[in-house]
N, C-alpha and C. Protein backbone atom coordinates (compact mmCIF):
# COMPACT_ATOMS: atom_id res chain seq x y z
N MET A 1 8.85 -12.33 -106.17
CA MET A 1 8.14 -11.36 -105.36
C MET A 1 7.74 -10.18 -106.24
N LEU A 2 6.55 -9.67 -106.05
CA LEU A 2 6.06 -8.55 -106.83
C LEU A 2 6.56 -7.25 -106.23
N VAL A 3 7.33 -6.51 -107.00
CA VAL A 3 7.82 -5.21 -106.53
C VAL A 3 7.53 -4.19 -107.61
N GLU A 4 6.82 -3.16 -107.25
CA GLU A 4 6.55 -2.08 -108.19
C GLU A 4 7.02 -0.79 -107.57
N LYS A 5 7.64 0.06 -108.38
CA LYS A 5 8.15 1.33 -107.87
C LYS A 5 7.18 2.45 -108.23
N PHE A 6 6.83 3.23 -107.24
CA PHE A 6 5.94 4.37 -107.41
C PHE A 6 6.51 5.55 -106.64
N ASP A 7 6.16 6.74 -107.07
CA ASP A 7 6.57 7.96 -106.38
C ASP A 7 5.69 8.11 -105.13
N LYS A 8 6.29 7.88 -103.97
CA LYS A 8 5.51 7.90 -102.72
C LYS A 8 4.92 9.28 -102.42
N ALA A 9 5.63 10.34 -102.79
CA ALA A 9 5.09 11.69 -102.57
C ALA A 9 3.83 11.89 -103.41
N LYS A 10 3.86 11.41 -104.64
CA LYS A 10 2.70 11.52 -105.53
C LYS A 10 1.54 10.67 -104.98
N LEU A 11 1.86 9.46 -104.52
CA LEU A 11 0.82 8.60 -103.96
C LEU A 11 0.20 9.22 -102.71
N LYS A 12 1.00 9.90 -101.92
CA LYS A 12 0.48 10.53 -100.70
C LYS A 12 -0.59 11.57 -101.04
N ASN A 13 -0.43 12.22 -102.20
CA ASN A 13 -1.42 13.21 -102.64
C ASN A 13 -2.63 12.57 -103.31
N GLU A 14 -2.44 11.39 -103.91
CA GLU A 14 -3.52 10.75 -104.66
C GLU A 14 -4.39 9.82 -103.81
N LEU A 15 -3.82 9.23 -102.78
CA LEU A 15 -4.56 8.27 -101.96
C LEU A 15 -5.11 8.93 -100.70
N THR A 16 -6.12 8.32 -100.12
CA THR A 16 -6.59 8.79 -98.82
C THR A 16 -5.53 8.42 -97.78
N PRO A 17 -5.54 9.05 -96.61
CA PRO A 17 -4.57 8.67 -95.58
C PRO A 17 -4.63 7.17 -95.24
N LEU A 18 -5.84 6.60 -95.17
CA LEU A 18 -5.97 5.17 -94.87
C LEU A 18 -5.40 4.31 -96.00
N GLN A 19 -5.71 4.66 -97.25
CA GLN A 19 -5.17 3.90 -98.38
C GLN A 19 -3.64 3.94 -98.37
N TYR A 20 -3.08 5.10 -98.10
CA TYR A 20 -1.62 5.23 -98.06
C TYR A 20 -1.04 4.37 -96.93
N GLU A 21 -1.65 4.43 -95.77
CA GLU A 21 -1.17 3.64 -94.62
C GLU A 21 -1.20 2.15 -94.93
N VAL A 22 -2.28 1.68 -95.53
CA VAL A 22 -2.41 0.25 -95.84
C VAL A 22 -1.46 -0.16 -96.96
N CYS A 23 -1.42 0.62 -98.03
CA CYS A 23 -0.64 0.22 -99.21
C CYS A 23 0.86 0.45 -99.06
N ILE A 24 1.26 1.51 -98.43
CA ILE A 24 2.68 1.85 -98.36
C ILE A 24 3.31 1.41 -97.04
N ASN A 25 2.60 1.61 -95.94
CA ASN A 25 3.17 1.29 -94.63
C ASN A 25 2.71 -0.07 -94.09
N LYS A 26 2.00 -0.84 -94.92
CA LYS A 26 1.52 -2.17 -94.54
C LYS A 26 0.61 -2.14 -93.32
N GLY A 27 -0.15 -1.05 -93.19
CA GLY A 27 -1.11 -0.94 -92.10
C GLY A 27 -2.36 -1.74 -92.41
N THR A 28 -3.36 -1.61 -91.57
CA THR A 28 -4.64 -2.29 -91.80
C THR A 28 -5.77 -1.48 -91.19
N GLU A 29 -6.96 -1.74 -91.67
CA GLU A 29 -8.14 -1.12 -91.08
C GLU A 29 -8.53 -1.92 -89.84
N ARG A 30 -9.26 -1.28 -88.96
CA ARG A 30 -9.82 -2.03 -87.84
C ARG A 30 -10.83 -3.03 -88.43
N PRO A 31 -10.94 -4.22 -87.87
CA PRO A 31 -11.89 -5.19 -88.41
C PRO A 31 -13.33 -4.69 -88.32
N PHE A 32 -14.13 -5.10 -89.28
CA PHE A 32 -15.55 -4.78 -89.37
C PHE A 32 -15.82 -3.29 -89.60
N THR A 33 -14.84 -2.55 -90.11
CA THR A 33 -15.03 -1.11 -90.34
C THR A 33 -14.78 -0.69 -91.78
N GLY A 34 -14.07 -1.49 -92.53
CA GLY A 34 -13.66 -1.09 -93.88
C GLY A 34 -14.81 -1.05 -94.88
N GLU A 35 -14.58 -0.33 -95.94
CA GLU A 35 -15.57 -0.14 -97.00
C GLU A 35 -15.98 -1.46 -97.66
N TYR A 36 -15.09 -2.43 -97.71
CA TYR A 36 -15.34 -3.64 -98.50
C TYR A 36 -15.59 -4.91 -97.70
N TRP A 37 -15.45 -4.91 -96.40
CA TRP A 37 -15.57 -6.16 -95.65
C TRP A 37 -16.96 -6.77 -95.76
N ASP A 38 -18.00 -5.95 -95.83
CA ASP A 38 -19.37 -6.46 -95.90
C ASP A 38 -20.02 -6.10 -97.23
N ASN A 39 -19.22 -5.86 -98.24
CA ASN A 39 -19.72 -5.51 -99.57
C ASN A 39 -20.09 -6.79 -100.32
N HIS A 40 -21.31 -6.83 -100.86
CA HIS A 40 -21.77 -8.03 -101.57
C HIS A 40 -22.02 -7.76 -103.05
N ALA A 41 -21.57 -6.61 -103.54
CA ALA A 41 -21.75 -6.28 -104.96
C ALA A 41 -20.88 -7.20 -105.82
N LEU A 42 -21.40 -7.56 -106.99
CA LEU A 42 -20.64 -8.37 -107.92
C LEU A 42 -19.61 -7.50 -108.63
N GLY A 43 -18.45 -8.07 -108.88
CA GLY A 43 -17.44 -7.31 -109.59
C GLY A 43 -16.04 -7.77 -109.27
N VAL A 44 -15.10 -6.89 -109.56
CA VAL A 44 -13.68 -7.18 -109.39
C VAL A 44 -13.07 -6.16 -108.45
N TYR A 45 -12.19 -6.62 -107.59
CA TYR A 45 -11.46 -5.76 -106.66
C TYR A 45 -10.09 -5.46 -107.25
N ASP A 46 -9.81 -4.17 -107.48
CA ASP A 46 -8.56 -3.73 -108.09
C ASP A 46 -7.62 -3.12 -107.06
N CYS A 47 -6.33 -3.17 -107.36
CA CYS A 47 -5.33 -2.49 -106.54
C CYS A 47 -5.53 -0.98 -106.69
N VAL A 48 -5.64 -0.26 -105.58
CA VAL A 48 -5.87 1.17 -105.62
C VAL A 48 -4.64 1.93 -106.11
N VAL A 49 -3.46 1.32 -106.03
CA VAL A 49 -2.22 1.97 -106.46
C VAL A 49 -1.98 1.79 -107.95
N CYS A 50 -1.99 0.54 -108.43
CA CYS A 50 -1.62 0.28 -109.83
C CYS A 50 -2.79 -0.06 -110.73
N GLY A 51 -3.97 -0.32 -110.16
CA GLY A 51 -5.14 -0.62 -110.96
C GLY A 51 -5.29 -2.06 -111.40
N GLN A 52 -4.34 -2.93 -111.06
CA GLN A 52 -4.43 -4.33 -111.47
C GLN A 52 -5.61 -5.02 -110.79
N ALA A 53 -6.35 -5.79 -111.57
CA ALA A 53 -7.45 -6.59 -111.03
C ALA A 53 -6.87 -7.69 -110.16
N LEU A 54 -7.32 -7.79 -108.91
CA LEU A 54 -6.75 -8.75 -107.97
C LEU A 54 -7.69 -9.89 -107.60
N PHE A 55 -8.94 -9.57 -107.29
CA PHE A 55 -9.88 -10.58 -106.81
C PHE A 55 -11.25 -10.40 -107.45
N SER A 56 -11.97 -11.50 -107.58
CA SER A 56 -13.35 -11.47 -108.05
C SER A 56 -14.28 -11.62 -106.85
N SER A 57 -15.42 -10.95 -106.91
CA SER A 57 -16.42 -11.12 -105.86
C SER A 57 -16.91 -12.56 -105.79
N LYS A 58 -16.73 -13.32 -106.88
CA LYS A 58 -17.16 -14.72 -106.90
C LYS A 58 -16.33 -15.59 -105.96
N THR A 59 -15.13 -15.12 -105.57
CA THR A 59 -14.28 -15.90 -104.66
C THR A 59 -14.26 -15.31 -103.25
N LYS A 60 -15.12 -14.33 -102.99
CA LYS A 60 -15.18 -13.71 -101.67
C LYS A 60 -16.01 -14.59 -100.73
N PHE A 61 -15.58 -14.67 -99.47
CA PHE A 61 -16.32 -15.46 -98.49
C PHE A 61 -16.26 -14.78 -97.13
N GLU A 62 -17.18 -15.16 -96.26
CA GLU A 62 -17.25 -14.61 -94.90
C GLU A 62 -16.32 -15.42 -94.01
N SER A 63 -15.21 -14.80 -93.62
CA SER A 63 -14.21 -15.50 -92.80
C SER A 63 -14.40 -15.25 -91.31
N GLY A 64 -15.24 -14.27 -90.97
CA GLY A 64 -15.43 -13.93 -89.57
C GLY A 64 -14.36 -13.01 -89.01
N THR A 65 -13.41 -12.58 -89.86
CA THR A 65 -12.30 -11.74 -89.40
C THR A 65 -12.63 -10.25 -89.41
N GLY A 66 -13.63 -9.85 -90.21
CA GLY A 66 -13.94 -8.44 -90.35
C GLY A 66 -13.21 -7.78 -91.49
N TRP A 67 -12.46 -8.54 -92.26
CA TRP A 67 -11.77 -8.02 -93.44
C TRP A 67 -12.26 -8.78 -94.66
N PRO A 68 -12.20 -8.17 -95.84
CA PRO A 68 -12.58 -8.90 -97.05
C PRO A 68 -11.71 -10.15 -97.19
N SER A 69 -12.33 -11.27 -97.51
CA SER A 69 -11.59 -12.53 -97.63
C SER A 69 -11.94 -13.20 -98.94
N PHE A 70 -10.92 -13.73 -99.61
CA PHE A 70 -11.08 -14.38 -100.90
C PHE A 70 -10.30 -15.69 -100.87
N TRP A 71 -10.81 -16.71 -101.55
CA TRP A 71 -10.08 -17.98 -101.52
C TRP A 71 -9.03 -18.08 -102.60
N GLU A 72 -9.02 -17.16 -103.61
CA GLU A 72 -7.94 -17.15 -104.58
C GLU A 72 -7.93 -15.84 -105.34
N PRO A 73 -6.76 -15.40 -105.82
CA PRO A 73 -6.69 -14.20 -106.64
C PRO A 73 -7.16 -14.51 -108.07
N LEU A 74 -7.44 -13.45 -108.83
CA LEU A 74 -7.83 -13.65 -110.23
C LEU A 74 -6.74 -14.34 -111.03
N GLN A 75 -5.50 -13.93 -110.82
CA GLN A 75 -4.37 -14.53 -111.53
C GLN A 75 -3.34 -15.03 -110.52
N LYS A 76 -2.91 -16.24 -110.70
CA LYS A 76 -1.87 -16.79 -109.84
C LYS A 76 -0.63 -15.90 -109.94
N GLY A 77 -0.04 -15.56 -108.81
CA GLY A 77 1.14 -14.72 -108.79
C GLY A 77 0.87 -13.22 -108.77
N SER A 78 -0.41 -12.81 -108.79
CA SER A 78 -0.71 -11.38 -108.79
C SER A 78 -0.60 -10.76 -107.40
N VAL A 79 -0.60 -11.58 -106.37
CA VAL A 79 -0.41 -11.10 -105.00
C VAL A 79 0.57 -12.02 -104.28
N VAL A 80 1.16 -11.50 -103.23
CA VAL A 80 2.04 -12.29 -102.37
C VAL A 80 1.23 -12.64 -101.13
N GLU A 81 1.19 -13.91 -100.78
CA GLU A 81 0.48 -14.33 -99.57
C GLU A 81 1.48 -14.42 -98.43
N LYS A 82 1.12 -13.79 -97.31
CA LYS A 82 2.02 -13.73 -96.16
C LYS A 82 1.21 -13.97 -94.89
N VAL A 83 1.72 -14.81 -94.01
CA VAL A 83 1.06 -15.05 -92.73
C VAL A 83 1.24 -13.82 -91.86
N ASP A 84 0.14 -13.32 -91.31
CA ASP A 84 0.13 -12.11 -90.50
C ASP A 84 -0.37 -12.46 -89.11
N ARG A 85 0.48 -12.29 -88.11
CA ARG A 85 0.08 -12.58 -86.73
C ARG A 85 -0.07 -11.30 -85.89
N THR A 86 -0.04 -10.14 -86.53
CA THR A 86 -0.10 -8.87 -85.80
C THR A 86 -1.48 -8.60 -85.23
N THR A 87 -2.49 -9.31 -85.69
CA THR A 87 -3.85 -9.06 -85.23
C THR A 87 -4.24 -9.92 -84.03
N GLY A 88 -3.33 -10.76 -83.58
CA GLY A 88 -3.64 -11.64 -82.47
C GLY A 88 -4.05 -13.03 -82.91
N SER A 89 -4.31 -13.19 -84.20
CA SER A 89 -4.59 -14.52 -84.74
C SER A 89 -3.78 -14.69 -86.02
N SER A 90 -3.69 -15.88 -86.51
CA SER A 90 -2.91 -16.15 -87.71
C SER A 90 -3.78 -15.99 -88.95
N LEU A 91 -3.52 -14.95 -89.72
CA LEU A 91 -4.25 -14.68 -90.96
C LEU A 91 -3.27 -14.72 -92.11
N THR A 92 -3.75 -15.06 -93.28
CA THR A 92 -2.92 -14.95 -94.47
C THR A 92 -3.36 -13.70 -95.20
N SER A 93 -2.46 -12.75 -95.33
CA SER A 93 -2.81 -11.51 -96.03
C SER A 93 -2.24 -11.56 -97.44
N ALA A 94 -2.97 -10.97 -98.35
CA ALA A 94 -2.52 -10.89 -99.74
C ALA A 94 -2.00 -9.48 -99.97
N GLN A 95 -0.78 -9.39 -100.46
CA GLN A 95 -0.15 -8.08 -100.61
C GLN A 95 0.45 -7.93 -102.00
N ARG A 96 0.50 -6.69 -102.44
CA ARG A 96 1.33 -6.32 -103.57
C ARG A 96 2.43 -5.48 -102.94
N ILE A 97 3.63 -5.60 -103.42
CA ILE A 97 4.76 -4.90 -102.83
C ILE A 97 4.97 -3.60 -103.59
N VAL A 98 4.88 -2.48 -102.87
CA VAL A 98 5.06 -1.16 -103.46
C VAL A 98 6.27 -0.51 -102.84
N ARG A 99 7.18 -0.04 -103.69
CA ARG A 99 8.37 0.67 -103.20
C ARG A 99 8.47 2.02 -103.83
């Protein structure tokens, strides 16, 4: 399991409230509202906390969920895949563990 330790007080000052909620408290954006769900620019998606490259736009696809969806990470083991049923449907979310 990927566990990285960061100063949460420092992160609270560096991240937006939404970024902090998603990254630290395992929150989520409302579907179809986030900055990246409908983004079609070519490039790499990095972790906002640690800067690690996580996904390529080449593996992004339209899942119909309203959240950015990728069929694989850039590097195997760079994210933890977890089934998430909190949205009312069964989704697999990719997470990095921040403590």
